Amino acid sequence: MPKELFDNLKEIVIEKPADKIADQINELISSGQLKTGDKLPSERFLSEKFNVGRIFVRDAIRKLEFYGIVKTLPQSGTIVTDNQDSAFVGMLANALNLMNPDYKSLMEVRNVLEIDAAGSAAERAQPEDIKLMEEAVNLLAKKVSEGEAGLEEDLLFHVRIAEATKNDVIKYLISYLASHMQTFSKKYDICRNSRNLKALKEHRVILEHIKNGDIEKSRESMKNHLSSLFDFTPKHKS
């Protein structure tokens, strides 16, 4: 029997523990049982409650932070943010997870969204947005100096740009893409050969153009930044 007959079969996607944890916490928020300003229990408590290791709880919290549903504050713990759209975020995340997008598809969408987002950020960013972007760049610089990849810090910068657009749909979409890019970045070792250092330099250029309010240069610098990531698409498939 020719193997081509099975080409249309799709990979079975098994939901990860972190995703299940995030979904349950988000359900408490979207249903109103957890409200803005409420503090989540400790990692230890949640890991015991879900009967999983703390690393899964940590990943779930990180995912919710990407979507802007919760925020972790120094010495205050993790609190629910002032966000009326958490139900939409959960629905969007679940729908996109079912699609199981491949690396090339994610990069094509990133290219469309993030170039425009950089231009919008240059036009709309407020001083507090600039500060958050600067913090993200500094966090990546610290990781690079310590010899680490800095994947989360890299992607955080892109999320901060999305937040500066003041467009919640763009923010949620880019946050979703960023959360998936972590998996692909580790899978394909995208930060090898000092790519994280190159990314840091490019982040600084993008940030400078956004700070200057230069829409076209912000768009162009983001386009240049993302272009090298397409190098992985002909060789790798999810």
C-alpha atoms as a PDB file:
ATOM      1  CA  MET A   1       0.000   0.000   0.000  1.00  0.00           C
ATOM      2  CA  PRO A   2       1.516   3.415  -0.996  1.00  0.00           C
ATOM      3  CA  LYS A   3       2.535   5.578   1.934  1.00  0.00           C
ATOM      4  CA  GLU A   4       1.116   8.638   0.146  1.00  0.00           C
ATOM      5  CA  LEU A   5      -2.337   7.526   1.277  1.00  0.00           C
ATOM      6  CA  PHE A   6      -1.404   8.546   4.810  1.00  0.00           C
ATOM      7  CA  ASP A   7      -0.037  12.002   3.953  1.00  0.00           C
ATOM      8  CA  ASN A   8      -3.187  13.737   5.187  1.00  0.00           C
ATOM      9  CA  LEU A   9      -3.064  12.132   8.621  1.00  0.00           C
ATOM     10  CA  LYS A  10      -2.374  14.673  11.350  1.00  0.00           C
ATOM     11  CA  GLU A  11      -0.258  14.463  14.454  1.00  0.00           C
ATOM     12  CA  ILE A  12      -2.194  13.766  17.653  1.00  0.00           C
ATOM     13  CA  VAL A  13      -1.678  16.699  19.978  1.00  0.00           C
ATOM     14  CA  ILE A  14      -1.648  15.836  23.677  1.00  0.00           C
ATOM     15  CA  GLU A  15      -2.314  18.824  25.899  1.00  0.00           C
ATOM     16  CA  LYS A  16       0.549  19.599  28.237  1.00  0.00           C
ATOM     17  CA  PRO A  17       0.091  19.819  32.030  1.00  0.00           C
ATOM     18  CA  ALA A  18       0.966  23.533  31.966  1.00  0.00           C
ATOM     19  CA  ASP A  19      -1.771  24.185  29.404  1.00  0.00           C
ATOM     20  CA  LYS A  20      -4.350  22.355  31.519  1.00  0.00           C
ATOM     21  CA  ILE A  21      -3.323  24.325  34.604  1.00  0.00           C
ATOM     22  CA  ALA A  22      -3.481  27.621  32.728  1.00  0.00           C
ATOM     23  CA  ASP A  23      -6.914  26.747  31.334  1.00  0.00           C
ATOM     24  CA  GLN A  24      -8.304  25.983  34.797  1.00  0.00           C
ATOM     25  CA  ILE A  25      -6.948  29.184  36.321  1.00  0.00           C
ATOM     26  CA  ASN A  26      -8.227  31.201  33.363  1.00  0.00           C
ATOM     27  CA  GLU A  27     -11.663  29.604  33.813  1.00  0.00           C
ATOM     28  CA  LEU A  28     -11.758  30.827  37.422  1.00  0.00           C
ATOM     29  CA  ILE A  29     -10.946  34.319  36.180  1.00  0.00           C
ATOM     30  CA  SER A  30     -13.313  34.424  33.209  1.00  0.00           C
ATOM     31  CA  SER A  31     -16.164  33.060  35.370  1.00  0.00           C
ATOM     32  CA  GLY A  32     -15.613  35.844  37.897  1.00  0.00           C
ATOM     33  CA  GLN A  33     -14.580  33.589  40.771  1.00  0.00           C
ATOM     34  CA  LEU A  34     -11.154  35.234  40.684  1.00  0.00           C
ATOM     35  CA  LYS A  35     -11.309  39.006  40.301  1.00  0.00           C
ATOM     36  CA  THR A  36      -8.937  41.815  39.435  1.00  0.00           C
ATOM     37  CA  GLY A  37      -6.330  42.202  42.166  1.00  0.00           C
ATOM     38  CA  ASP A  38      -6.854  38.726  43.631  1.00  0.00           C
ATOM     39  CA  LYS A  39      -3.623  36.925  44.462  1.00  0.00           C
ATOM     40  CA  LEU A  40      -2.981  33.402  43.247  1.00  0.00           C
ATOM     41  CA  PRO A  41      -1.845  30.774  45.771  1.00  0.00           C
ATOM     42  CA  SER A  42       1.836  29.869  45.986  1.00  0.00           C
ATOM     43  CA  GLU A  43       3.542  27.579  43.476  1.00  0.00           C
ATOM     44  CA  ARG A  44       3.848  24.988  46.232  1.00  0.00           C
ATOM     45  CA  PHE A  45       0.132  25.044  46.975  1.00  0.00           C
ATOM     46  CA  LEU A  46      -0.824  24.848  43.285  1.00  0.00           C
ATOM     47  CA  SER A  47       1.652  22.058  42.540  1.00  0.00           C
ATOM     48  CA  GLU A  48       0.173  20.014  45.404  1.00  0.00           C
ATOM     49  CA  LYS A  49      -3.378  20.826  44.302  1.00  0.00           C
ATOM     50  CA  PHE A  50      -2.738  19.799  40.699  1.00  0.00           C
ATOM     51  CA  ASN A  51      -0.415  16.965  41.768  1.00  0.00           C
ATOM     52  CA  VAL A  52       2.333  18.079  39.400  1.00  0.00           C
ATOM     53  CA  GLY A  53       5.849  19.459  39.733  1.00  0.00           C
ATOM     54  CA  ARG A  54       6.352  23.160  40.345  1.00  0.00           C
ATOM     55  CA  ILE A  55       7.916  23.582  36.911  1.00  0.00           C
ATOM     56  CA  PHE A  56       4.510  22.919  35.293  1.00  0.00           C
ATOM     57  CA  VAL A  57       2.851  25.485  37.539  1.00  0.00           C
ATOM     58  CA  ARG A  58       5.593  27.975  36.705  1.00  0.00           C
ATOM     59  CA  ASP A  59       5.106  27.402  32.981  1.00  0.00           C
ATOM     60  CA  ALA A  60       1.347  27.852  33.345  1.00  0.00           C
ATOM     61  CA  ILE A  61       1.786  31.160  35.174  1.00  0.00           C
ATOM     62  CA  ARG A  62       4.240  32.293  32.527  1.00  0.00           C
ATOM     63  CA  LYS A  63       1.712  31.475  29.818  1.00  0.00           C
ATOM     64  CA  LEU A  64      -0.991  33.481  31.591  1.00  0.00           C
ATOM     65  CA  GLU A  65       1.454  36.374  31.949  1.00  0.00           C
ATOM     66  CA  PHE A  66       2.130  36.300  28.212  1.00  0.00           C
ATOM     67  CA  TYR A  67      -1.584  36.724  27.614  1.00  0.00           C
ATOM     68  CA  GLY A  68      -1.776  39.570  30.123  1.00  0.00           C
ATOM     69  CA  ILE A  69      -4.196  37.679  32.361  1.00  0.00           C
ATOM     70  CA  VAL A  70      -1.984  37.713  35.473  1.00  0.00           C
ATOM     71  CA  LYS A  71       1.067  39.653  36.547  1.00  0.00           C
ATOM     72  CA  THR A  72       3.830  38.657  38.948  1.00  0.00           C
ATOM     73  CA  LEU A  73       4.977  41.497  41.177  1.00  0.00           C
ATOM     74  CA  PRO A  74       8.177  41.456  43.272  1.00  0.00           C
ATOM     75  CA  GLN A  75       7.407  40.532  46.884  1.00  0.00           C
ATOM     76  CA  SER A  76       3.676  40.566  46.128  1.00  0.00           C
ATOM     77  CA  GLY A  77       3.172  37.333  44.243  1.00  0.00           C
ATOM     78  CA  THR A  78       1.020  36.734  41.175  1.00  0.00           C
ATOM     79  CA  ILE A  79      -2.181  38.742  40.869  1.00  0.00           C
ATOM     80  CA  VAL A  80      -5.062  38.875  38.403  1.00  0.00           C
ATOM     81  CA  THR A  81      -4.734  41.902  36.127  1.00  0.00           C
ATOM     82  CA  ASP A  82      -7.431  44.406  35.195  1.00  0.00           C
ATOM     83  CA  ASN A  83      -8.422  42.462  32.118  1.00  0.00           C
ATOM     84  CA  GLN A  84     -11.989  42.049  30.899  1.00  0.00           C
ATOM     85  CA  ASP A  85     -11.084  39.844  27.952  1.00  0.00           C
ATOM     86  CA  SER A  86      -9.594  36.751  29.583  1.00  0.00           C
ATOM     87  CA  ALA A  87     -12.409  34.561  28.257  1.00  0.00           C
ATOM     88  CA  PHE A  88     -11.600  35.704  24.739  1.00  0.00           C
ATOM     89  CA  VAL A  89      -7.914  35.044  25.302  1.00  0.00           C
ATOM     90  CA  GLY A  90      -8.585  31.530  26.528  1.00  0.00           C
ATOM     91  CA  MET A  91     -10.884  30.825  23.591  1.00  0.00           C
ATOM     92  CA  LEU A  92      -8.316  32.165  21.142  1.00  0.00           C
ATOM     93  CA  ALA A  93      -5.475  30.166  22.672  1.00  0.00           C
ATOM     94  CA  ASN A  94      -7.485  26.951  22.658  1.00  0.00           C
ATOM     95  CA  ALA A  95      -8.585  27.431  19.051  1.00  0.00           C
ATOM     96  CA  LEU A  96      -5.053  28.106  17.849  1.00  0.00           C
ATOM     97  CA  ASN A  97      -3.626  25.222  19.866  1.00  0.00           C
ATOM     98  CA  LEU A  98      -5.991  22.867  18.085  1.00  0.00           C
ATOM     99  CA  MET A  99      -4.491  24.014  14.782  1.00  0.00           C
ATOM    100  CA  ASN A 100      -1.028  22.887  15.899  1.00  0.00           C
ATOM    101  CA  PRO A 101       0.701  25.477  13.670  1.00  0.00           C
ATOM    102  CA  ASP A 102       4.090  24.721  12.159  1.00  0.00           C
ATOM    103  CA  TYR A 103       7.161  26.937  12.376  1.00  0.00           C
ATOM    104  CA  LYS A 104       6.826  28.412   8.900  1.00  0.00           C
ATOM    105  CA  SER A 105       3.188  29.348   9.460  1.00  0.00           C
ATOM    106  CA  LEU A 106       4.025  31.051  12.750  1.00  0.00           C
ATOM    107  CA  MET A 107       6.848  33.015  11.171  1.00  0.00           C
ATOM    108  CA  GLU A 108       4.684  34.167   8.264  1.00  0.00           C
ATOM    109  CA  VAL A 109       2.069  35.486  10.690  1.00  0.00           C
ATOM    110  CA  ARG A 110       4.731  37.068  12.900  1.00  0.00           C
ATOM    111  CA  ASN A 111       6.115  38.843   9.872  1.00  0.00           C
ATOM    112  CA  VAL A 112       2.729  40.341   9.037  1.00  0.00           C
ATOM    113  CA  LEU A 113       1.768  41.312  12.590  1.00  0.00           C
ATOM    114  CA  GLU A 114       5.047  42.405  14.122  1.00  0.00           C
ATOM    115  CA  ILE A 115       6.216  44.716  11.350  1.00  0.00           C
ATOM    116  CA  ASP A 116       2.969  46.657  11.632  1.00  0.00           C
ATOM    117  CA  ALA A 117       3.136  46.438  15.431  1.00  0.00           C
ATOM    118  CA  ALA A 118       6.562  48.081  15.457  1.00  0.00           C
ATOM    119  CA  GLY A 119       5.225  50.956  13.377  1.00  0.00           C
ATOM    120  CA  SER A 120       2.171  51.343  15.590  1.00  0.00           C
ATOM    121  CA  ALA A 121       4.352  51.266  18.704  1.00  0.00           C
ATOM    122  CA  ALA A 122       6.491  54.077  17.294  1.00  0.00           C
ATOM    123  CA  GLU A 123       3.318  56.088  16.822  1.00  0.00           C
ATOM    124  CA  ARG A 124       1.512  55.259  20.066  1.00  0.00           C
ATOM    125  CA  ALA A 125       4.045  54.237  22.728  1.00  0.00           C
ATOM    126  CA  GLN A 126       3.848  56.134  25.998  1.00  0.00           C
ATOM    127  CA  PRO A 127       6.801  56.718  28.364  1.00  0.00           C
ATOM    128  CA  GLU A 128       5.777  53.718  30.486  1.00  0.00           C
ATOM    129  CA  ASP A 129       5.750  51.522  27.367  1.00  0.00           C
ATOM    130  CA  ILE A 130       9.255  52.649  26.459  1.00  0.00           C
ATOM    131  CA  LYS A 131      10.404  51.854  29.988  1.00  0.00           C
ATOM    132  CA  LEU A 132       9.006  48.316  29.774  1.00  0.00           C
ATOM    133  CA  MET A 133      10.709  47.769  26.411  1.00  0.00           C
ATOM    134  CA  GLU A 134      13.994  49.030  27.832  1.00  0.00           C
ATOM    135  CA  GLU A 135      13.644  46.633  30.776  1.00  0.00           C
ATOM    136  CA  ALA A 136      13.092  43.729  28.355  1.00  0.00           C
ATOM    137  CA  VAL A 137      16.220  44.675  26.386  1.00  0.00           C
ATOM    138  CA  ASN A 138      18.240  44.935  29.606  1.00  0.00           C
ATOM    139  CA  LEU A 139      16.997  41.534  30.775  1.00  0.00           C
ATOM    140  CA  LEU A 140      18.124  39.970  27.489  1.00  0.00           C
ATOM    141  CA  ALA A 141      21.483  41.733  27.744  1.00  0.00           C
ATOM    142  CA  LYS A 142      21.958  40.246  31.227  1.00  0.00           C
ATOM    143  CA  LYS A 143      21.163  36.735  29.998  1.00  0.00           C
ATOM    144  CA  VAL A 144      23.497  37.077  27.011  1.00  0.00           C
ATOM    145  CA  SER A 145      26.317  38.314  29.262  1.00  0.00           C
ATOM    146  CA  GLU A 146      25.804  35.238  31.436  1.00  0.00           C
ATOM    147  CA  GLY A 147      26.108  32.969  28.407  1.00  0.00           C
ATOM    148  CA  GLU A 148      22.426  32.009  28.366  1.00  0.00           C
ATOM    149  CA  ALA A 149      20.061  31.964  25.390  1.00  0.00           C
ATOM    150  CA  GLY A 150      17.558  34.398  26.891  1.00  0.00           C
ATOM    151  CA  LEU A 151      14.604  33.031  24.915  1.00  0.00           C
ATOM    152  CA  GLU A 152      11.945  34.352  27.255  1.00  0.00           C
ATOM    153  CA  GLU A 153      13.618  37.750  27.515  1.00  0.00           C
ATOM    154  CA  ASP A 154      13.896  37.938  23.725  1.00  0.00           C
ATOM    155  CA  LEU A 155      10.217  37.195  23.221  1.00  0.00           C
ATOM    156  CA  LEU A 156       9.203  39.485  26.085  1.00  0.00           C
ATOM    157  CA  PHE A 157      10.538  42.424  24.077  1.00  0.00           C
ATOM    158  CA  HIS A 158       8.170  41.543  21.227  1.00  0.00           C
ATOM    159  CA  VAL A 159       5.247  41.299  23.641  1.00  0.00           C
ATOM    160  CA  ARG A 160       6.125  44.738  25.066  1.00  0.00           C
ATOM    161  CA  ILE A 161       6.044  46.197  21.554  1.00  0.00           C
ATOM    162  CA  ALA A 162       2.644  44.604  21.016  1.00  0.00           C
ATOM    163  CA  GLU A 163       1.390  46.162  24.254  1.00  0.00           C
ATOM    164  CA  ALA A 164       2.572  49.567  23.072  1.00  0.00           C
ATOM    165  CA  THR A 165       0.280  49.373  20.024  1.00  0.00           C
ATOM    166  CA  LYS A 166      -2.703  49.804  22.378  1.00  0.00           C
ATOM    167  CA  ASN A 167      -4.497  47.180  20.312  1.00  0.00           C
ATOM    168  CA  ASP A 168      -5.578  44.258  22.486  1.00  0.00           C
ATOM    169  CA  VAL A 169      -6.151  41.881  19.565  1.00  0.00           C
ATOM    170  CA  ILE A 170      -2.612  42.444  18.267  1.00  0.00           C
ATOM    171  CA  LYS A 171      -1.278  42.045  21.797  1.00  0.00           C
ATOM    172  CA  TYR A 172      -3.059  38.723  22.311  1.00  0.00           C
ATOM    173  CA  LEU A 173      -2.069  37.341  18.919  1.00  0.00           C
ATOM    174  CA  ILE A 174       1.590  38.252  19.289  1.00  0.00           C
ATOM    175  CA  SER A 175       1.596  36.910  22.854  1.00  0.00           C
ATOM    176  CA  TYR A 176       0.243  33.626  21.563  1.00  0.00           C
ATOM    177  CA  LEU A 177       2.883  33.476  18.823  1.00  0.00           C
ATOM    178  CA  ALA A 178       5.585  34.284  21.350  1.00  0.00           C
ATOM    179  CA  SER A 179       4.512  31.468  23.650  1.00  0.00           C
ATOM    180  CA  HIS A 180       4.720  28.982  20.764  1.00  0.00           C
ATOM    181  CA  MET A 181       8.035  30.366  19.538  1.00  0.00           C
ATOM    182  CA  GLN A 182       9.643  29.305  22.809  1.00  0.00           C
ATOM    183  CA  THR A 183       9.030  25.688  21.856  1.00  0.00           C
ATOM    184  CA  PHE A 184      10.366  26.063  18.327  1.00  0.00           C
ATOM    185  CA  SER A 185      13.362  28.123  19.464  1.00  0.00           C
ATOM    186  CA  LYS A 186      14.449  25.332  21.798  1.00  0.00           C
ATOM    187  CA  LYS A 187      13.644  22.615  19.275  1.00  0.00           C
ATOM    188  CA  TYR A 188      15.727  24.165  16.492  1.00  0.00           C
ATOM    189  CA  ASP A 189      18.346  25.761  18.768  1.00  0.00           C
ATOM    190  CA  ILE A 190      17.724  29.109  17.093  1.00  0.00           C
ATOM    191  CA  CYS A 191      20.039  30.954  19.462  1.00  0.00           C
ATOM    192  CA  ARG A 192      23.119  28.968  18.430  1.00  0.00           C
ATOM    193  CA  ASN A 193      26.136  30.662  16.847  1.00  0.00           C
ATOM    194  CA  SER A 194      25.634  33.825  18.911  1.00  0.00           C
ATOM    195  CA  ARG A 195      22.237  34.533  17.383  1.00  0.00           C
ATOM    196  CA  ASN A 196      21.083  35.821  20.766  1.00  0.00           C
ATOM    197  CA  LEU A 197      23.806  38.476  20.646  1.00  0.00           C
ATOM    198  CA  LYS A 198      22.689  39.437  17.146  1.00  0.00           C
ATOM    199  CA  ALA A 199      19.085  39.589  18.354  1.00  0.00           C
ATOM    200  CA  LEU A 200      20.094  41.848  21.242  1.00  0.00           C
ATOM    201  CA  LYS A 201      21.758  44.319  18.875  1.00  0.00           C
ATOM    202  CA  GLU A 202      18.704  44.302  16.629  1.00  0.00           C
ATOM    203  CA  HIS A 203      16.373  44.832  19.591  1.00  0.00           C
ATOM    204  CA  ARG A 204      18.343  47.927  20.525  1.00  0.00           C
ATOM    205  CA  VAL A 205      18.005  49.295  17.004  1.00  0.00           C
ATOM    206  CA  ILE A 206      14.246  48.659  16.970  1.00  0.00           C
ATOM    207  CA  LEU A 207      13.849  50.257  20.387  1.00  0.00           C
ATOM    208  CA  GLU A 208      15.781  53.346  19.338  1.00  0.00           C
ATOM    209  CA  HIS A 209      13.532  53.883  16.310  1.00  0.00           C
ATOM    210  CA  ILE A 210      10.399  53.390  18.422  1.00  0.00           C
ATOM    211  CA  LYS A 211      11.685  55.863  21.021  1.00  0.00           C
ATOM    212  CA  ASN A 212      12.286  58.372  18.223  1.00  0.00           C
ATOM    213  CA  GLY A 213       8.775  57.856  16.913  1.00  0.00           C
ATOM    214  CA  ASP A 214      10.094  56.859  13.487  1.00  0.00           C
ATOM    215  CA  ILE A 215       7.360  54.639  12.084  1.00  0.00           C
ATOM    216  CA  GLU A 216       9.067  53.584   8.845  1.00  0.00           C
ATOM    217  CA  LYS A 217      12.447  52.822  10.420  1.00  0.00           C
ATOM    218  CA  SER A 218      10.728  50.876  13.203  1.00  0.00           C
ATOM    219  CA  ARG A 219       8.929  48.769  10.626  1.00  0.00           C
ATOM    220  CA  GLU A 220      12.071  48.258   8.554  1.00  0.00           C
ATOM    221  CA  SER A 221      14.239  47.295  11.527  1.00  0.00           C
ATOM    222  CA  MET A 222      11.630  44.760  12.684  1.00  0.00           C
ATOM    223  CA  LYS A 223      11.466  43.322   9.171  1.00  0.00           C
ATOM    224  CA  ASN A 224      15.254  42.917   9.145  1.00  0.00           C
ATOM    225  CA  HIS A 225      15.175  41.355  12.605  1.00  0.00           C
ATOM    226  CA  LEU A 226      12.622  38.709  11.654  1.00  0.00           C
ATOM    227  CA  SER A 227      14.092  37.942   8.230  1.00  0.00           C
ATOM    228  CA  SER A 228      16.943  35.770   9.523  1.00  0.00           C
ATOM    229  CA  LEU A 229      14.485  33.526  11.378  1.00  0.00           C
ATOM    230  CA  PHE A 230      13.053  32.414   8.046  1.00  0.00           C
ATOM    231  CA  ASP A 231      16.379  30.652   7.432  1.00  0.00           C
ATOM    232  CA  PHE A 232      15.025  27.766   9.483  1.00  0.00           C
ATOM    233  CA  THR A 233      11.857  27.183   7.465  1.00  0.00           C
ATOM    234  CA  PRO A 234      13.291  25.322   4.435  1.00  0.00           C
ATOM    235  CA  LYS A 235      15.269  22.894   6.620  1.00  0.00           C
ATOM    236  CA  HIS A 236      12.951  22.309   9.555  1.00  0.00           C
ATOM    237  CA  LYS A 237       9.358  21.303   9.873  1.00  0.00           C
ATOM    238  CA  SER A 238       7.298  20.861  12.986  1.00  0.00           C
END
